[in-house]
Amino acid sequence: MALRLFNTRTRTVEPFRTREPNHARIYVCGLTPSAEGHIGHARSFLFFDVLRRYLEHPRNGYRVTYVQNVTDVDDRSIATAKLEGTTYDRIVARYYGAFKASMHRLGVREPDAEPYATHYVPQIVVMIAELIERGYAYASEDGVYYRVARFPRYGALSGKNVDELLVGARIAENEHKDDPLDFALWKFARPDEPSWPSPWGDGRPGWHIECSAMSRALLGVPFDLHGGGYDLIFPHHENEIAQSEALMDAPPMAVMWAHGGLLNFDGRKMSKSLGNFEPLSNLLERHDPLAIRLLFLSTGYRKPMNFTEDALAGATSALAKLRRGYETLQRSAVIFEAVEKAESVATYRERFFDALDNDMNTAGALGVLFDLVSDVAKDPDVEARRDAAALLAEALGLFGIGALLDPPPEQAAAVIDRSIVDRLAQRLGDAVHLNGAGPEAAIAAIVEARNAARRAKDFALGDRLRDALAAEGVELHDAKDGTTWTRAGA
């Protein structure tokens, strides 16, 4: 099955195809850094990070060019700068720097291109001039506006009707445009605001034209996929289409549009006034970034989601279960009650990727992984468990949480010292035959022997095996799906 995604433009789930063989060109609307980034921003960028990883996975084999812009001049960043007595670029540097650090902690990969709007003013000016020449834009007293009535497909992406939009629409006193729906392409300079030269007068670009110009400059049009949050469909993406497709001989601007669902915090829209807003950087100080990634993977990317501390605690527990399952799958032998042989690992692999191919159903794919660690961990076939461990590592790497399976530094240090095997052999004598095993294999063998002793109700031997490991700084952790170990105090 090939990857299929819900295309907002056509309102259907359809196969992902690219215009250029094996090359996916993607543009995602980035941050407007005028305040602290929050978890809602993170959800959108985390999804596109996973989509990008999957497109590059050998199953799909795409070379991906991923562009994510920065709206670095905006009414809000200018207002914040005035309030704080500084400049807009310093506001952007502060907040975007903090957001980039948070993205790094969350394991979100860097874009291939990260255009700043102010670096593309010449391309923006050229595009506005083309729109004026073709009759889609006009200059007025306070700037240059796009003439919405000139574009018959306006509203097609969002499903909004132009006549309905006009009901109640008004032209503000400080605006000089022909129609209430017309929107600004260029805003003439105001006192104490940043500006750039243009044929119509010094000023700065409107928000919507920035993305149209940057995507055209870096990807060309049409390109394969345009993404962003659900809240950007109207008016931002609707306006991008109007600007870009007015200059194209063969629309669409983007073949496919993908939008992530909205996120609430404790059941309400995030707002400082409601007291439920927390900067993303603060949240990452209190919680495991991998748990945040897993939490978002647990809900379909298009669905609304409610972020709560309880949900995050559940994701943290789920991480631990995956980690324990992986350790169990890696063992050379496992002592369990007689069980039926699990499904072949190939079947789990097929189910996992079928879920992703079905509109990036990460929740369903995660469910397959939990089935895998629950079922195959009890399979007496050593090779089946090793194959399952490899599939789990591959899948978690694709999800950006592969670091979960890295051994803790303390545990890694323990297995380097091979003398631990000799000391354990001296302590245990004939109780366990280690037969020249390496450190990690020796610990696993003792753990398994202890499990067997406990099942046989030989608690004295079980305690002796546990105490021998404890004397070497190895601490055991018993759970219903097996026993794991760490260095004491880790």
Protein backbone atom coordinates (compact mmCIF):
# COMPACT_ATOMS: atom_id res chain seq x y z
CA MET A 1 0.00 0.00 0.00
CA ALA A 2 1.31 3.47 -0.89
CA LEU A 3 1.16 6.44 1.48
CA ARG A 4 -2.20 8.20 1.39
CA LEU A 5 -2.95 11.56 3.01
CA PHE A 6 -6.03 13.69 3.52
CA ASN A 7 -5.81 16.54 1.04
CA THR A 8 -7.57 19.63 2.39
CA ARG A 9 -7.80 20.97 -1.16
CA THR A 10 -9.88 18.02 -2.44
CA ARG A 11 -11.32 16.92 0.95
CA THR A 12 -10.36 13.32 0.23
CA VAL A 13 -7.70 10.84 1.31
CA GLU A 14 -5.57 10.27 -1.76
CA PRO A 15 -2.19 8.77 -2.71
CA PHE A 16 0.81 10.97 -2.07
CA ARG A 17 2.47 11.59 -5.42
CA THR A 18 5.22 13.96 -6.45
CA ARG A 19 5.67 15.85 -9.68
CA GLU A 20 9.36 14.96 -9.79
CA PRO A 21 10.19 11.24 -9.34
CA ASN A 22 11.49 10.41 -5.85
CA HIS A 23 11.70 14.09 -4.81
CA ALA A 24 9.13 15.53 -2.39
CA ARG A 25 9.01 19.34 -2.14
CA ILE A 26 7.28 20.50 1.04
CA TYR A 27 6.55 23.95 2.45
CA VAL A 28 5.29 24.33 6.04
CA CYS A 29 4.30 27.66 7.55
CA GLY A 30 6.64 28.34 10.45
CA LEU A 31 6.57 30.51 13.52
CA THR A 32 5.82 34.20 13.95
CA PRO A 33 8.17 34.75 16.89
CA SER A 34 6.61 37.63 18.77
CA ALA A 35 6.06 35.74 22.05
CA GLU A 36 6.96 32.48 23.76
CA GLY A 37 6.34 29.34 21.70
CA HIS A 38 3.82 26.89 23.18
CA ILE A 39 2.87 23.23 22.96
CA GLY A 40 0.33 23.91 20.22
CA HIS A 41 3.13 25.07 17.93
CA ALA A 42 5.12 21.97 18.81
CA ARG A 43 2.31 19.60 17.82
CA SER A 44 2.21 20.85 14.24
CA PHE A 45 5.97 20.76 13.69
CA LEU A 46 6.29 17.34 15.35
CA PHE A 47 3.79 15.88 12.89
CA PHE A 48 5.58 17.23 9.86
CA ASP A 49 8.87 15.99 11.30
CA VAL A 50 7.46 12.43 11.44
CA LEU A 51 5.94 12.74 7.96
CA ARG A 52 9.29 13.87 6.60
CA ARG A 53 11.06 10.94 8.27
CA TYR A 54 8.54 8.51 6.79
CA LEU A 55 8.88 9.93 3.29
CA GLU A 56 12.65 9.44 3.56
CA HIS A 57 12.28 5.91 4.97
CA PRO A 58 13.36 3.17 2.51
CA ARG A 59 9.72 2.07 2.23
CA ASN A 60 8.99 5.36 0.40
CA GLY A 61 12.48 6.40 -0.65
CA TYR A 62 11.91 10.09 -1.27
CA ARG A 63 14.51 12.79 -1.24
CA VAL A 64 12.74 15.54 0.67
CA THR A 65 13.27 19.28 0.35
CA TYR A 66 11.61 20.68 3.44
CA VAL A 67 11.13 24.45 3.73
CA GLN A 68 9.80 26.10 6.90
CA ASN A 69 9.68 29.87 7.00
CA VAL A 70 10.06 32.48 9.75
CA THR A 71 7.70 35.46 9.75
CA ASP A 72 10.24 37.83 11.25
CA VAL A 73 8.41 41.11 10.67
CA ASP A 74 4.80 41.37 11.79
CA ASP A 75 2.39 43.69 13.58
CA ARG A 76 2.82 41.67 16.77
CA SER A 77 6.61 41.61 16.83
CA ILE A 78 6.67 45.36 16.13
CA ALA A 79 4.14 46.00 18.92
CA THR A 80 6.14 43.88 21.39
CA ALA A 81 9.32 45.74 20.45
CA LYS A 82 7.67 49.11 21.08
CA LEU A 83 6.32 47.90 24.42
CA GLU A 84 9.78 46.74 25.54
CA GLY A 85 11.69 49.66 24.05
CA THR A 86 13.74 47.54 21.66
CA THR A 87 13.74 46.53 17.98
CA TYR A 88 11.62 43.93 16.21
CA ASP A 89 14.65 41.88 15.14
CA ARG A 90 15.81 41.53 18.75
CA ILE A 91 12.35 40.31 19.73
CA VAL A 92 12.48 37.74 16.93
CA ALA A 93 16.00 36.61 17.87
CA ARG A 94 15.02 36.08 21.50
CA TYR A 95 11.79 34.16 20.99
CA TYR A 96 12.85 32.24 17.93
CA GLY A 97 16.12 31.25 19.57
CA ALA A 98 14.19 29.81 22.52
CA PHE A 99 11.79 28.00 20.21
CA LYS A 100 14.63 26.49 18.16
CA ALA A 101 16.22 25.20 21.36
CA SER A 102 12.91 23.57 22.32
CA MET A 103 12.59 21.97 18.88
CA HIS A 104 16.10 20.55 19.28
CA ARG A 105 15.17 19.04 22.65
CA LEU A 106 12.08 17.49 21.06
CA GLY A 107 14.22 15.93 18.35
CA VAL A 108 12.68 17.92 15.48
CA ARG A 109 15.09 18.01 12.57
CA GLU A 110 16.29 21.26 11.03
CA PRO A 111 14.53 22.38 7.82
CA ASP A 112 16.48 22.17 4.58
CA ALA A 113 15.72 25.86 4.13
CA GLU A 114 14.53 28.33 6.76
CA PRO A 115 13.74 31.57 4.93
CA TYR A 116 13.21 34.77 6.89
CA ALA A 117 10.59 37.03 5.29
CA THR A 118 12.81 40.12 5.50
CA HIS A 119 15.47 38.33 3.41
CA TYR A 120 12.98 37.88 0.56
CA VAL A 121 11.63 41.41 0.20
CA PRO A 122 12.95 41.74 -3.42
CA GLN A 123 11.07 38.57 -4.45
CA ILE A 124 7.96 39.79 -2.64
CA VAL A 125 8.09 43.14 -4.44
CA VAL A 126 8.42 41.39 -7.81
CA MET A 127 5.41 39.20 -7.09
CA ILE A 128 3.27 42.16 -6.03
CA ALA A 129 4.22 43.99 -9.24
CA GLU A 130 3.11 40.98 -11.30
CA LEU A 131 -0.24 40.91 -9.48
CA ILE A 132 -0.79 44.62 -10.16
CA GLU A 133 0.13 44.16 -13.83
CA ARG A 134 -2.45 41.36 -14.21
CA GLY A 135 -5.18 43.33 -12.45
CA TYR A 136 -5.24 41.28 -9.24
CA ALA A 137 -3.88 44.06 -7.01
CA TYR A 138 -3.98 47.81 -6.67
CA ALA A 139 -2.19 50.57 -4.77
CA SER A 140 -4.12 52.82 -2.37
CA GLU A 141 -3.36 55.49 0.22
CA ASP A 142 -2.03 53.10 2.87
CA GLY A 143 -0.61 50.24 0.83
CA VAL A 144 -1.16 47.68 -1.90
CA TYR A 145 -4.17 45.34 -1.70
CA TYR A 146 -5.21 42.10 -3.36
CA ARG A 147 -8.51 42.31 -5.22
CA VAL A 148 -10.39 39.22 -3.98
CA ALA A 149 -13.34 39.66 -6.40
CA ARG A 150 -10.92 39.14 -9.29
CA PHE A 151 -10.15 35.57 -8.18
CA PRO A 152 -13.20 33.30 -8.76
CA ARG A 153 -11.90 30.33 -6.76
CA TYR A 154 -11.53 32.30 -3.52
CA GLY A 155 -12.87 30.21 -0.63
CA ALA A 156 -12.37 26.82 -2.34
CA LEU A 157 -9.73 25.57 0.13
CA SER A 158 -11.64 26.54 3.28
CA GLY A 159 -15.11 25.90 1.90
CA LYS A 160 -16.17 29.45 2.69
CA ASN A 161 -18.65 31.31 0.51
CA VAL A 162 -17.61 34.81 -0.55
CA ASP A 163 -21.15 36.19 -0.20
CA GLU A 164 -21.35 34.87 3.36
CA LEU A 165 -17.95 36.33 4.17
CA LEU A 166 -19.16 39.74 3.02
CA VAL A 167 -22.01 39.69 5.53
CA GLY A 168 -20.87 41.85 8.40
CA ALA A 169 -17.48 42.59 6.81
CA ARG A 170 -16.37 46.19 7.24
CA ILE A 171 -13.49 48.39 6.15
CA ALA A 172 -11.66 49.81 9.15
CA GLU A 173 -11.17 53.56 9.38
CA ASN A 174 -7.41 53.24 8.87
CA GLU A 175 -7.79 51.10 5.73
CA HIS A 176 -8.17 52.36 2.18
CA LYS A 177 -9.32 49.44 0.07
CA ASP A 178 -12.01 48.87 -2.52
CA ASP A 179 -13.70 45.86 -0.94
CA PRO A 180 -13.98 44.59 2.66
CA LEU A 181 -12.46 41.21 1.69
CA ASP A 182 -9.39 42.67 0.00
CA PHE A 183 -6.21 42.05 2.00
CA ALA A 184 -2.87 43.83 2.27
CA LEU A 185 0.10 42.83 0.13
CA TRP A 186 2.25 45.83 1.10
CA LYS A 187 1.82 48.19 4.06
CA PHE A 188 3.22 51.68 3.67
CA ALA A 189 5.71 52.79 6.29
CA ARG A 190 4.54 54.27 9.56
CA PRO A 191 6.66 56.32 11.94
CA ASP A 192 9.19 54.28 13.95
CA GLU A 193 8.45 51.04 12.06
CA PRO A 194 10.85 49.01 9.90
CA SER A 195 10.47 49.55 6.15
CA TRP A 196 11.95 48.62 2.79
CA PRO A 197 11.79 50.41 -0.57
CA SER A 198 9.24 49.51 -3.26
CA PRO A 199 7.90 51.12 -6.46
CA TRP A 200 4.77 52.19 -4.54
CA GLY A 201 6.50 53.62 -1.49
CA ASP A 202 8.57 52.45 1.47
CA GLY A 203 6.88 49.88 3.65
CA ARG A 204 6.79 46.20 4.56
CA PRO A 205 5.11 43.10 3.17
CA GLY A 206 1.81 41.68 4.35
CA TRP A 207 1.87 38.27 6.01
CA HIS A 208 0.25 36.25 3.23
CA ILE A 209 2.43 37.41 0.33
CA GLU A 210 5.56 36.43 2.24
CA CYS A 211 4.80 32.70 2.07
CA SER A 212 3.68 32.86 -1.56
CA ALA A 213 6.92 34.52 -2.60
CA MET A 214 9.22 32.34 -0.49
CA SER A 215 7.65 29.04 -1.55
CA ARG A 216 7.82 30.09 -5.22
CA ALA A 217 11.45 31.16 -4.88
CA LEU A 218 12.65 28.04 -3.06
CA LEU A 219 10.44 25.25 -4.43
CA GLY A 220 8.89 26.56 -7.61
CA VAL A 221 5.19 26.09 -8.36
CA PRO A 222 3.43 23.80 -8.32
CA PHE A 223 5.13 22.00 -5.43
CA ASP A 224 4.03 18.78 -3.78
CA LEU A 225 2.70 19.55 -0.30
CA HIS A 226 1.89 22.66 1.71
CA GLY A 227 1.34 22.20 5.43
CA GLY A 228 0.45 24.03 8.59
CA GLY A 229 -2.00 24.12 11.46
CA TYR A 230 -5.77 23.93 11.00
CA ASP A 231 -6.09 27.57 12.06
CA LEU A 232 -4.09 28.67 8.99
CA ILE A 233 -6.54 27.35 6.40
CA PHE A 234 -8.42 30.65 6.46
CA PRO A 235 -7.44 33.30 5.76
CA HIS A 236 -3.70 32.63 5.42
CA HIS A 237 -3.64 29.63 3.10
CA GLU A 238 -6.71 30.79 1.21
CA ASN A 239 -4.91 34.05 0.51
CA GLU A 240 -1.70 32.29 -0.49
CA ILE A 241 -3.63 30.35 -3.12
CA ALA A 242 -5.27 33.51 -4.47
CA GLN A 243 -1.91 35.28 -4.77
CA SER A 244 0.06 32.37 -6.21
CA GLU A 245 -2.47 30.81 -8.59
CA ALA A 246 -3.37 34.19 -10.10
CA LEU A 247 0.14 34.14 -11.61
CA MET A 248 0.16 30.49 -12.69
CA ASP A 249 -0.76 29.11 -16.08
CA ALA A 250 -1.53 25.69 -14.59
CA PRO A 251 -2.69 25.68 -10.94
CA PRO A 252 -2.74 24.42 -8.21
CA MET A 253 -0.05 26.15 -6.20
CA ALA A 254 0.41 22.98 -4.11
CA VAL A 255 -0.87 19.58 -5.21
CA MET A 256 -1.66 18.54 -1.64
CA TRP A 257 -2.49 20.49 1.52
CA ALA A 258 -2.11 18.91 4.98
CA HIS A 259 -3.31 20.53 8.21
CA GLY A 260 -2.80 19.48 11.80
CA GLY A 261 -5.65 19.62 14.32
CA LEU A 262 -6.05 22.20 17.06
CA LEU A 263 -4.72 21.67 20.56
CA ASN A 264 -6.40 22.67 23.82
CA PHE A 265 -4.67 22.84 27.18
CA ASP A 266 -6.73 21.36 30.03
CA GLY A 267 -9.86 21.52 27.91
CA ARG A 268 -9.55 25.17 26.88
CA LYS A 269 -7.78 27.22 24.27
CA MET A 270 -4.37 28.26 25.60
CA SER A 271 -4.40 31.82 26.89
CA LYS A 272 -2.39 33.78 29.43
CA SER A 273 -5.61 35.45 30.59
CA LEU A 274 -7.12 32.03 31.36
CA GLY A 275 -4.03 30.97 33.27
CA ASN A 276 -3.51 27.80 31.21
CA PHE A 277 -0.59 28.98 29.07
CA GLU A 278 2.90 27.65 29.70
CA PRO A 279 5.93 28.39 27.50
CA LEU A 280 7.16 25.31 25.70
CA SER A 281 10.65 25.77 27.16
CA ASN A 282 9.22 25.55 30.71
CA LEU A 283 7.20 22.45 29.88
CA LEU A 284 10.34 20.72 28.60
CA GLU A 285 12.08 21.41 31.90
CA ARG A 286 9.37 19.45 33.72
CA HIS A 287 8.71 16.58 31.31
CA ASP A 288 10.57 14.08 29.15
CA PRO A 289 10.59 15.36 25.53
CA LEU A 290 10.15 11.78 24.32
CA ALA A 291 6.93 11.51 26.31
CA ILE A 292 5.62 14.66 24.63
CA ARG A 293 6.41 13.18 21.20
CA LEU A 294 4.71 9.91 22.13
CA LEU A 295 1.64 11.74 23.44
CA PHE A 296 1.15 13.51 20.12
CA LEU A 297 1.66 10.28 18.19
CA SER A 298 -1.17 8.75 20.22
CA THR A 299 -3.78 10.95 18.53
CA GLY A 300 -4.44 11.30 14.81
CA TYR A 301 -2.75 14.43 13.48
CA ARG A 302 -6.00 15.91 12.09
CA LYS A 303 -8.03 15.42 15.26
CA PRO A 304 -8.48 18.07 17.95
CA MET A 305 -6.48 17.14 21.04
CA ASN A 306 -6.60 18.04 24.71
CA PHE A 307 -3.21 18.30 26.42
CA THR A 308 -3.30 17.45 30.14
CA GLU A 309 -0.80 16.47 32.80
CA ASP A 310 -2.61 13.14 33.22
CA ALA A 311 -2.28 12.38 29.51
CA LEU A 312 1.41 13.18 29.67
CA ALA A 313 1.82 10.88 32.68
CA GLY A 314 0.18 8.13 30.64
CA ALA A 315 2.62 8.74 27.78
CA THR A 316 5.52 8.50 30.23
CA SER A 317 4.24 5.11 31.41
CA ALA A 318 3.84 3.98 27.80
CA LEU A 319 7.47 4.90 27.12
CA ALA A 320 8.58 2.73 30.01
CA LYS A 321 6.52 -0.18 28.69
CA LEU A 322 8.14 0.08 25.27
CA ARG A 323 11.57 0.21 26.86
CA ARG A 324 10.92 -2.88 29.00
CA GLY A 325 9.47 -4.69 26.02
CA TYR A 326 12.56 -3.98 23.96
CA GLU A 327 14.85 -5.28 26.69
CA THR A 328 12.77 -8.45 26.96
CA LEU A 329 12.86 -8.99 23.20
CA GLN A 330 16.66 -8.73 23.21
CA ARG A 331 17.20 -11.48 25.76
CA SER A 332 18.73 -14.72 24.53
CA ALA A 333 16.28 -16.78 26.59
CA VAL A 334 13.02 -16.06 28.36
CA ILE A 335 11.27 -18.19 30.99
CA PHE A 336 7.48 -18.05 30.64
CA GLU A 337 4.55 -20.34 30.92
CA ALA A 338 4.02 -22.32 27.72
CA VAL A 339 2.53 -19.95 25.16
CA GLU A 340 1.43 -20.20 21.59
CA LYS A 341 3.85 -18.92 19.01
CA ALA A 342 3.12 -15.27 18.15
CA GLU A 343 2.28 -14.00 14.69
CA SER A 344 5.30 -13.66 12.43
CA VAL A 345 7.21 -10.40 12.85
CA ALA A 346 6.56 -9.75 9.16
CA THR A 347 2.84 -9.55 9.97
CA TYR A 348 3.42 -6.91 12.65
CA ARG A 349 5.67 -5.00 10.26
CA GLU A 350 2.96 -5.02 7.60
CA ARG A 351 0.33 -3.85 10.08
CA PHE A 352 2.59 -1.05 11.35
CA PHE A 353 3.32 0.38 7.91
CA ASP A 354 -0.25 -0.12 6.70
CA ALA A 355 -1.36 2.14 9.56
CA LEU A 356 1.10 4.85 8.54
CA ASP A 357 0.10 4.55 4.90
CA ASN A 358 -3.50 5.19 5.97
CA ASP A 359 -3.24 8.99 6.40
CA MET A 360 -0.32 8.74 8.86
CA ASN A 361 -2.34 6.89 11.49
CA THR A 362 0.39 7.06 14.12
CA ALA A 363 -2.04 6.03 16.87
CA GLY A 364 -2.82 2.78 15.06
CA ALA A 365 0.86 2.19 14.32
CA LEU A 366 1.70 2.65 18.00
CA GLY A 367 -0.97 0.11 18.89
CA VAL A 368 0.82 -2.42 16.68
CA LEU A 369 4.08 -1.78 18.55
CA PHE A 370 2.42 -2.45 21.89
CA ASP A 371 0.96 -5.68 20.47
CA LEU A 372 4.45 -6.58 19.29
CA VAL A 373 6.13 -6.21 22.68
CA SER A 374 3.25 -7.92 24.44
CA ASP A 375 2.97 -10.95 22.15
CA VAL A 376 6.40 -11.62 20.69
CA ALA A 377 8.22 -11.07 24.01
CA LYS A 378 6.70 -14.40 25.12
CA ASP A 379 7.63 -16.24 21.93
CA PRO A 380 10.14 -19.03 22.63
CA ASP A 381 11.76 -18.41 19.22
CA VAL A 382 14.92 -16.38 19.88
CA GLU A 383 15.19 -15.23 16.27
CA ALA A 384 11.58 -14.00 16.26
CA ARG A 385 12.25 -11.87 19.35
CA ARG A 386 15.42 -10.44 17.84
CA ASP A 387 13.56 -9.56 14.64
CA ALA A 388 10.84 -7.94 16.75
CA ALA A 389 13.44 -5.91 18.65
CA ALA A 390 14.88 -4.71 15.33
CA LEU A 391 11.41 -3.69 14.09
CA LEU A 392 10.70 -1.82 17.33
CA ALA A 393 14.00 0.06 17.06
CA GLU A 394 13.29 0.94 13.43
CA ALA A 395 9.76 2.13 14.20
CA LEU A 396 10.75 4.27 17.18
CA GLY A 397 13.58 5.80 15.16
CA LEU A 398 11.04 6.73 12.48
CA PHE A 399 8.87 8.33 15.17
CA GLY A 400 11.84 10.30 16.49
CA ILE A 401 11.91 8.49 19.86
CA GLY A 402 14.66 5.99 19.12
CA ALA A 403 16.74 7.49 21.93
CA LEU A 404 14.40 5.65 24.29
CA LEU A 405 16.24 2.43 23.46
CA ASP A 406 19.74 3.76 24.09
CA PRO A 407 21.23 2.13 27.21
CA PRO A 408 21.54 4.50 30.18
CA PRO A 409 25.13 5.75 30.58
CA GLU A 410 25.45 3.94 33.90
CA GLN A 411 24.33 0.65 32.39
CA ALA A 412 26.62 1.07 29.40
CA ALA A 413 29.55 1.68 31.71
CA ALA A 414 28.76 -1.51 33.62
CA VAL A 415 29.01 -3.75 30.58
CA ILE A 416 32.41 -2.37 29.58
CA ASP A 417 34.07 -3.87 32.66
CA ARG A 418 34.43 -7.55 31.76
CA SER A 419 35.83 -8.41 35.19
CA ILE A 420 32.26 -8.35 36.53
CA VAL A 421 31.72 -11.79 34.97
CA ASP A 422 34.58 -13.36 36.94
CA ARG A 423 33.36 -11.83 40.18
CA LEU A 424 29.80 -13.03 39.59
CA ALA A 425 31.05 -16.54 38.80
CA GLN A 426 33.02 -16.60 42.06
CA ARG A 427 29.99 -15.42 44.05
CA LEU A 428 27.57 -17.92 42.52
CA GLY A 429 29.68 -21.01 41.93
CA ASP A 430 27.56 -23.74 40.30
CA ALA A 431 24.29 -21.87 40.81
CA VAL A 432 24.58 -20.39 37.30
CA HIS A 433 26.98 -21.49 34.56
CA LEU A 434 28.11 -18.36 32.74
CA ASN A 435 30.32 -20.26 30.27
CA GLY A 436 32.51 -17.32 29.25
CA ALA A 437 29.57 -15.03 28.57
CA GLY A 438 30.11 -11.31 28.11
CA PRO A 439 29.03 -8.93 30.88
CA GLU A 440 25.57 -8.11 29.50
CA ALA A 441 24.83 -11.73 28.60
CA ALA A 442 26.01 -12.86 32.05
CA ILE A 443 23.66 -10.42 33.80
CA ALA A 444 20.80 -11.54 31.54
CA ALA A 445 21.53 -15.19 32.32
CA ILE A 446 21.44 -14.53 36.06
CA VAL A 447 18.20 -12.59 35.73
CA GLU A 448 16.65 -15.46 33.81
CA ALA A 449 17.92 -18.00 36.34
CA ARG A 450 16.37 -15.90 39.12
CA ASN A 451 13.04 -15.82 37.26
CA ALA A 452 13.16 -19.61 36.93
CA ALA A 453 13.96 -20.00 40.65
CA ARG A 454 11.06 -17.79 41.65
CA ARG A 455 8.67 -19.70 39.41
CA ALA A 456 9.88 -22.91 41.09
CA LYS A 457 9.30 -21.20 44.48
CA ASP A 458 13.01 -21.55 45.30
CA PHE A 459 13.07 -18.11 46.89
CA ALA A 460 16.37 -18.68 48.65
CA LEU A 461 18.15 -19.16 45.31
CA GLY A 462 16.26 -16.22 43.82
CA ASP A 463 17.41 -13.97 46.65
CA ARG A 464 21.00 -15.24 46.33
CA LEU A 465 21.07 -14.40 42.60
CA ARG A 466 19.55 -10.97 43.24
CA ASP A 467 22.06 -10.25 46.02
CA ALA A 468 25.01 -11.28 43.84
CA LEU A 469 23.96 -8.73 41.22
CA ALA A 470 23.28 -6.09 43.87
CA ALA A 471 26.83 -6.54 45.21
CA GLU A 472 28.05 -5.53 41.75
CA GLY A 473 25.79 -2.48 41.64
CA VAL A 474 23.13 -4.08 39.42
CA GLU A 475 19.58 -3.31 40.51
CA LEU A 476 16.62 -5.43 39.33
CA HIS A 477 13.17 -4.10 38.44
CA ASP A 478 10.33 -6.60 38.28
CA ALA A 479 7.25 -5.95 36.12
CA LYS A 480 4.44 -8.11 34.77
CA ASP A 481 6.09 -8.28 31.35
CA GLY A 482 9.56 -9.18 32.64
CA THR A 483 12.54 -8.05 34.69
CA THR A 484 14.94 -5.29 33.69
CA TRP A 485 18.11 -4.02 35.33
CA THR A 486 19.97 -0.77 35.84
CA ARG A 487 22.97 0.36 37.80
CA ALA A 488 22.02 1.07 41.42
CA GLY A 489 20.87 4.63 41.86
CA ALA A 490 20.37 5.20 38.12
